[in-house]
């Protein structure tokens, strides 16, 4: 199978089809139409073997993750996904690998109502680049720069699961309970992009970011962009039953929850008068949410507390950072 045969067989057909895609896969470029009153939100992420996923990770897990990390970025802005472009670098064409990868991609497009509209395939080291685009009503975008002193700091879901899952896969942590081990590994392989949470936050959240590089690393971006400080209550970080049952040491559990990243939950701020509204709205969609701290006026200061006492992590690393 050659390049154009691969595209025709696995990517040109299948998946969700949108009426706003005028020309999709098959021409030199796609032609799409942005609805009136909507703004276009664009994000790009690359996943590289050995950096973002381990060698021999299944193709469906790779496809899921590369889509999820992009949809997570759209969600953090409050956008609804619409179109996706894919650039796929493969050492060689393995039909079963490509079949599994493309089938997962198409199933996600059906679930999240986006359409694959183009991209590129090349021969090279295994890496996948996705550009995702979505819509948001004009003036409704959520940024990192709107947090104010007194706002509550909140996060969806649980933190640290993906980090433990990765350590299990690397053989650096042993979990004897098979159900817990499977759950934690799946949290690394198949993160949940909080699309519905993102659209629900429009006009409620004052700032938002997705937790991709670790809570402590990502909250710094809100602090920097909003020119504020942040108080984090470590004892309020949401930790799953699977993590808590298998990482008995409190310090280890907090390090995972605060620094490991790859959870792709949404970290956001809301003013006092909107806290109950956002908790009620997310609860109605069965989206877990926890209040873990508050924004302060101490510009740039990240103040971590455990049981209201100052706390410093033994780990000097606050999260993932390329070229570190």
Protein backbone atom coordinates (compact mmCIF):
# COMPACT_ATOMS: atom_id res chain seq x y z
CA UNK A 1 0.00 0.00 0.00
CA UNK A 2 1.26 3.47 -0.93
CA UNK A 3 0.45 6.93 0.41
CA UNK A 4 -2.62 7.74 -1.67
CA UNK A 5 -4.02 4.22 -1.33
CA UNK A 6 -3.68 4.57 2.45
CA UNK A 7 -5.52 7.92 2.44
CA UNK A 8 -8.30 6.65 0.19
CA UNK A 9 -8.87 3.42 2.11
CA UNK A 10 -8.58 4.60 5.70
CA UNK A 11 -9.17 8.37 5.90
CA UNK A 12 -11.23 9.66 2.95
CA UNK A 13 -14.30 7.67 3.96
CA UNK A 14 -15.84 7.00 7.35
CA UNK A 15 -16.39 9.26 10.32
CA UNK A 16 -18.77 12.14 10.93
CA UNK A 17 -19.73 14.43 8.02
CA UNK A 18 -20.57 18.08 8.65
CA UNK A 19 -22.61 20.40 6.44
CA UNK A 20 -20.12 23.25 7.02
CA UNK A 21 -17.36 21.32 5.21
CA UNK A 22 -17.67 22.39 1.57
CA UNK A 23 -14.57 20.53 0.35
CA UNK A 24 -12.84 17.93 2.50
CA UNK A 25 -10.19 15.29 1.83
CA UNK A 26 -9.16 14.94 -1.82
CA UNK A 27 -8.12 18.43 -2.93
CA UNK A 28 -5.02 20.49 -2.18
CA UNK A 29 -6.83 22.12 0.73
CA UNK A 30 -10.13 21.94 2.55
CA UNK A 31 -12.85 24.57 2.26
CA UNK A 32 -15.05 25.17 5.30
CA UNK A 33 -17.66 27.69 6.38
CA UNK A 34 -17.79 29.45 9.75
CA UNK A 35 -21.38 30.05 10.95
CA UNK A 36 -22.52 33.64 11.47
CA UNK A 37 -21.86 34.98 14.95
CA UNK A 38 -19.22 32.33 15.69
CA UNK A 39 -15.46 32.69 16.10
CA UNK A 40 -13.02 30.03 14.94
CA UNK A 41 -10.70 28.55 17.60
CA UNK A 42 -7.58 26.68 16.38
CA UNK A 43 -5.10 24.49 18.25
CA UNK A 44 -2.27 22.15 17.21
CA UNK A 45 -0.56 19.35 19.13
CA UNK A 46 2.10 16.81 18.18
CA UNK A 47 2.59 13.40 19.79
CA UNK A 48 5.99 11.74 19.35
CA UNK A 49 6.82 8.13 20.19
CA UNK A 50 9.04 7.94 23.26
CA UNK A 51 8.01 11.42 24.41
CA UNK A 52 4.22 11.45 24.57
CA UNK A 53 3.55 7.71 24.37
CA UNK A 54 5.61 4.61 24.98
CA UNK A 55 6.88 2.39 22.20
CA UNK A 56 4.39 -0.36 21.34
CA UNK A 57 1.41 1.69 22.56
CA UNK A 58 -1.65 0.44 20.69
CA UNK A 59 -2.71 2.48 17.64
CA UNK A 60 -6.22 3.05 18.99
CA UNK A 61 -4.76 4.52 22.21
CA UNK A 62 -2.47 6.80 20.17
CA UNK A 63 -5.40 7.94 18.01
CA UNK A 64 -7.54 8.58 21.08
CA UNK A 65 -4.86 10.58 22.85
CA UNK A 66 -3.91 12.79 19.89
CA UNK A 67 -7.58 13.70 19.41
CA UNK A 68 -8.25 14.11 23.13
CA UNK A 69 -5.35 16.49 23.79
CA UNK A 70 -6.51 18.77 20.98
CA UNK A 71 -10.17 18.69 22.00
CA UNK A 72 -9.04 19.43 25.56
CA UNK A 73 -7.38 22.63 24.36
CA UNK A 74 -10.58 23.65 22.58
CA UNK A 75 -12.55 22.84 25.74
CA UNK A 76 -10.30 25.08 27.85
CA UNK A 77 -11.32 27.98 25.60
CA UNK A 78 -15.00 27.04 25.77
CA UNK A 79 -15.11 25.97 22.12
CA UNK A 80 -17.12 23.20 20.47
CA UNK A 81 -15.08 20.97 18.09
CA UNK A 82 -15.79 21.11 14.36
CA UNK A 83 -12.87 20.16 12.10
CA UNK A 84 -9.66 18.19 12.42
CA UNK A 85 -6.55 17.92 10.21
CA UNK A 86 -4.08 15.07 10.60
CA UNK A 87 -0.39 14.82 9.73
CA UNK A 88 0.81 11.26 10.17
CA UNK A 89 4.48 10.21 10.07
CA UNK A 90 4.98 6.43 9.86
CA UNK A 91 8.20 4.37 9.63
CA UNK A 92 6.29 2.01 7.30
CA UNK A 93 2.71 1.20 6.40
CA UNK A 94 1.38 -1.61 8.54
CA UNK A 95 -2.22 -2.21 7.38
CA UNK A 96 -3.56 -3.47 10.72
CA UNK A 97 -1.95 -0.57 12.61
CA UNK A 98 -3.44 2.01 10.23
CA UNK A 99 -6.84 0.27 10.29
CA UNK A 100 -7.02 0.36 14.10
CA UNK A 101 -5.78 3.97 14.22
CA UNK A 102 -8.27 5.22 11.62
CA UNK A 103 -11.22 3.32 13.09
CA UNK A 104 -10.64 4.95 16.49
CA UNK A 105 -10.31 8.34 14.81
CA UNK A 106 -13.61 7.87 12.98
CA UNK A 107 -15.43 6.64 16.10
CA UNK A 108 -14.28 9.74 18.01
CA UNK A 109 -15.43 11.98 15.16
CA UNK A 110 -18.90 10.43 15.41
CA UNK A 111 -18.96 10.86 19.19
CA UNK A 112 -17.72 14.47 19.27
CA UNK A 113 -19.26 15.57 15.92
CA UNK A 114 -16.07 16.76 14.24
CA UNK A 115 -14.97 15.95 10.69
CA UNK A 116 -11.53 14.96 9.45
CA UNK A 117 -10.97 17.43 6.59
CA UNK A 118 -7.39 16.78 5.46
CA UNK A 119 -3.75 16.51 6.38
CA UNK A 120 -0.65 14.69 5.21
CA UNK A 121 1.08 11.31 5.41
CA UNK A 122 4.86 10.92 5.28
CA UNK A 123 7.47 8.25 5.95
CA UNK A 124 9.55 8.93 9.05
CA UNK A 125 9.69 8.38 12.82
CA UNK A 126 6.30 7.66 14.39
CA UNK A 127 4.69 10.99 15.22
CA UNK A 128 1.23 12.44 14.82
CA UNK A 129 0.28 16.11 14.50
CA UNK A 130 -3.34 17.22 14.72
CA UNK A 131 -4.81 20.65 14.15
CA UNK A 132 -8.29 20.93 15.63
CA UNK A 133 -10.69 23.78 15.04
CA UNK A 134 -13.93 24.64 16.77
CA UNK A 135 -16.53 27.34 17.22
CA UNK A 136 -17.38 29.65 20.06
CA UNK A 137 -19.99 32.44 20.10
CA UNK A 138 -18.31 35.80 19.60
CA UNK A 139 -17.12 37.25 22.90
CA UNK A 140 -17.62 34.00 24.86
CA UNK A 141 -14.04 32.68 24.76
CA UNK A 142 -12.36 31.74 28.04
CA UNK A 143 -8.69 32.70 28.43
CA UNK A 144 -5.96 32.31 31.02
CA UNK A 145 -5.90 36.03 31.79
CA UNK A 146 -9.23 36.80 33.44
CA UNK A 147 -8.70 35.54 37.01
CA UNK A 148 -9.08 38.07 39.83
CA UNK A 149 -8.22 38.05 43.51
CA UNK A 150 -10.95 36.23 45.43
CA UNK A 151 -11.96 33.91 42.58
CA UNK A 152 -12.24 30.25 43.48
CA UNK A 153 -9.86 27.76 41.87
CA UNK A 154 -11.63 24.61 40.66
CA UNK A 155 -10.81 21.47 38.70
CA UNK A 156 -12.86 18.78 36.97
CA UNK A 157 -12.40 15.05 37.55
CA UNK A 158 -9.48 13.52 39.41
CA UNK A 159 -5.76 14.28 39.25
CA UNK A 160 -2.73 12.01 39.17
CA UNK A 161 -4.31 8.90 37.63
CA UNK A 162 -2.52 9.20 34.28
CA UNK A 163 0.84 9.66 36.00
CA UNK A 164 0.39 6.50 38.06
CA UNK A 165 -0.80 4.66 34.96
CA UNK A 166 2.35 5.67 33.10
CA UNK A 167 4.57 4.46 35.96
CA UNK A 168 2.76 1.12 35.95
CA UNK A 169 3.40 0.78 32.21
CA UNK A 170 7.06 1.70 32.70
CA UNK A 171 7.41 -0.88 35.49
CA UNK A 172 8.15 1.80 38.07
CA UNK A 173 5.08 1.11 40.22
CA UNK A 174 3.33 -2.18 40.93
CA UNK A 175 -0.43 -2.36 41.45
CA UNK A 176 -1.66 -5.83 42.37
CA UNK A 177 -5.37 -5.06 42.07
CA UNK A 178 -6.05 -5.77 38.39
CA UNK A 179 -9.16 -3.56 38.18
CA UNK A 180 -7.30 -0.58 39.66
CA UNK A 181 -4.26 -1.17 37.44
CA UNK A 182 -6.47 -1.33 34.34
CA UNK A 183 -8.30 1.86 35.34
CA UNK A 184 -5.07 3.79 35.93
CA UNK A 185 -3.45 2.62 32.69
CA UNK A 186 -6.57 3.53 30.75
CA UNK A 187 -6.52 7.00 32.27
CA UNK A 188 -3.08 7.41 30.68
CA UNK A 189 -4.05 5.85 27.34
CA UNK A 190 -7.57 7.26 27.01
CA UNK A 191 -7.96 10.69 28.68
CA UNK A 192 -11.40 12.32 28.65
CA UNK A 193 -11.58 15.71 26.91
CA UNK A 194 -14.03 17.83 28.92
CA UNK A 195 -15.86 19.30 25.93
CA UNK A 196 -19.23 19.66 27.67
CA UNK A 197 -17.61 21.20 30.75
CA UNK A 198 -15.84 23.76 28.57
CA UNK A 199 -18.99 24.91 26.79
CA UNK A 200 -20.86 25.00 30.12
CA UNK A 201 -18.27 27.42 31.56
CA UNK A 202 -18.86 30.13 28.97
CA UNK A 203 -19.66 33.47 30.64
CA UNK A 204 -19.13 31.83 34.06
CA UNK A 205 -15.42 30.98 34.35
CA UNK A 206 -13.01 33.90 34.52
CA UNK A 207 -10.02 31.81 33.35
CA UNK A 208 -9.28 28.24 32.33
CA UNK A 209 -6.48 25.90 31.25
CA UNK A 210 -6.33 22.15 30.71
CA UNK A 211 -4.05 20.13 32.98
CA UNK A 212 -1.59 18.62 30.52
CA UNK A 213 1.81 19.29 32.12
CA UNK A 214 0.82 18.99 35.78
CA UNK A 215 -1.37 21.09 38.08
CA UNK A 216 1.48 23.16 39.55
CA UNK A 217 3.00 23.78 36.12
CA UNK A 218 -0.27 24.77 34.49
CA UNK A 219 -1.61 26.95 37.30
CA UNK A 220 1.48 29.11 36.84
CA UNK A 221 0.19 30.06 33.39
CA UNK A 222 -3.04 31.40 34.90
CA UNK A 223 -1.08 33.25 37.59
CA UNK A 224 1.27 34.78 35.02
CA UNK A 225 -1.37 35.72 32.44
CA UNK A 226 -3.80 37.10 35.05
CA UNK A 227 -1.04 38.73 37.14
CA UNK A 228 -2.31 37.13 40.34
CA UNK A 229 -1.21 34.69 43.02
CA UNK A 230 -2.71 31.28 43.77
CA UNK A 231 -3.46 29.49 47.05
CA UNK A 232 -3.77 25.71 46.65
CA UNK A 233 -5.10 23.43 49.40
CA UNK A 234 -3.35 20.14 48.68
CA UNK A 235 -5.66 18.16 50.95
CA UNK A 236 -8.54 19.14 48.65
CA UNK A 237 -7.00 17.80 45.44
CA UNK A 238 -9.43 15.24 43.96
CA UNK A 239 -7.83 11.80 44.07
CA UNK A 240 -9.51 8.69 42.68
CA UNK A 241 -10.19 5.57 44.71
CA UNK A 242 -7.73 3.66 42.50
CA UNK A 243 -4.90 6.11 43.14
CA UNK A 244 -5.63 6.45 46.86
CA UNK A 245 -5.79 2.69 47.38
CA UNK A 246 -2.50 2.00 45.63
CA UNK A 247 -0.38 5.03 46.57
CA UNK A 248 -0.66 4.85 50.34
CA UNK A 249 1.99 7.47 51.10
CA UNK A 250 0.24 10.86 51.29
CA UNK A 251 3.24 12.73 49.94
CA UNK A 252 3.51 10.42 46.92
CA UNK A 253 -0.21 10.73 46.20
CA UNK A 254 -0.02 14.54 46.32
CA UNK A 255 3.06 14.60 44.07
CA UNK A 256 1.16 12.56 41.46
CA UNK A 257 -1.94 14.75 41.73
CA UNK A 258 -0.04 18.03 41.65
CA UNK A 259 2.75 17.36 39.17
CA UNK A 260 2.34 14.32 36.94
CA UNK A 261 0.17 15.79 34.19
CA UNK A 262 -1.55 14.02 31.26
CA UNK A 263 -4.92 14.12 33.06
CA UNK A 264 -6.42 16.69 30.67
CA UNK A 265 -8.88 17.90 33.26
CA UNK A 266 -9.95 21.55 33.23
CA UNK A 267 -8.48 23.91 35.83
CA UNK A 268 -10.53 27.09 36.06
CA UNK A 269 -11.53 30.05 38.19
CA UNK A 270 -14.96 31.45 39.03
CA UNK A 271 -16.07 34.44 41.08
CA UNK A 272 -17.79 33.87 44.43
CA UNK A 273 -21.26 34.59 43.04
CA UNK A 274 -20.89 31.93 40.33
CA UNK A 275 -19.44 29.06 42.37
CA UNK A 276 -22.77 27.39 43.15
CA UNK A 277 -23.98 27.92 39.57
CA UNK A 278 -21.00 26.13 38.01
CA UNK A 279 -21.09 23.31 40.59
CA UNK A 280 -24.80 22.78 39.91
CA UNK A 281 -24.39 22.94 36.13
CA UNK A 282 -21.52 20.45 36.01
CA UNK A 283 -23.22 18.15 38.51
CA UNK A 284 -26.28 18.00 36.26
CA UNK A 285 -24.01 16.51 33.56
CA UNK A 286 -22.34 14.11 36.05
CA UNK A 287 -19.02 15.95 35.67
CA UNK A 288 -17.09 15.84 38.97
CA UNK A 289 -15.69 19.16 40.13
CA UNK A 290 -13.67 20.18 43.19
CA UNK A 291 -12.75 23.54 44.69
CA UNK A 292 -9.02 23.33 45.49
CA UNK A 293 -8.03 26.89 46.31
CA UNK A 294 -8.40 30.57 45.65
CA UNK A 295 -6.83 33.38 43.67
CA UNK A 296 -4.86 35.92 45.71
CA UNK A 297 -3.36 39.34 45.10
CA UNK A 298 0.22 38.11 45.67
CA UNK A 299 1.29 38.41 42.04
CA UNK A 300 3.10 35.31 40.78
CA UNK A 301 3.12 33.47 44.14
CA UNK A 302 1.96 29.85 44.22
CA UNK A 303 1.17 29.13 47.87
CA UNK A 304 0.67 25.41 48.61
CA UNK A 305 -0.94 24.45 51.92
CA UNK A 306 -1.59 21.10 53.60
CA UNK A 307 -4.15 21.31 56.41
CA UNK A 308 -3.69 25.09 56.27
CA UNK A 309 0.07 24.80 56.87
CA UNK A 310 2.69 25.83 54.26
CA UNK A 311 3.88 22.83 52.27
CA UNK A 312 6.86 22.36 49.96
CA UNK A 313 7.16 19.31 47.74
CA UNK A 314 10.26 17.16 48.08
CA UNK A 315 10.20 16.87 44.30
CA UNK A 316 11.88 19.87 42.68
CA UNK A 317 10.00 19.25 39.46
CA UNK A 318 6.66 21.01 39.24
CA UNK A 319 5.51 19.22 36.09
CA UNK A 320 6.47 18.29 32.56
CA UNK A 321 8.38 20.75 30.39
CA UNK A 322 10.00 20.15 27.01
CA UNK A 323 13.72 20.99 26.77
CA UNK A 324 14.02 20.92 30.56
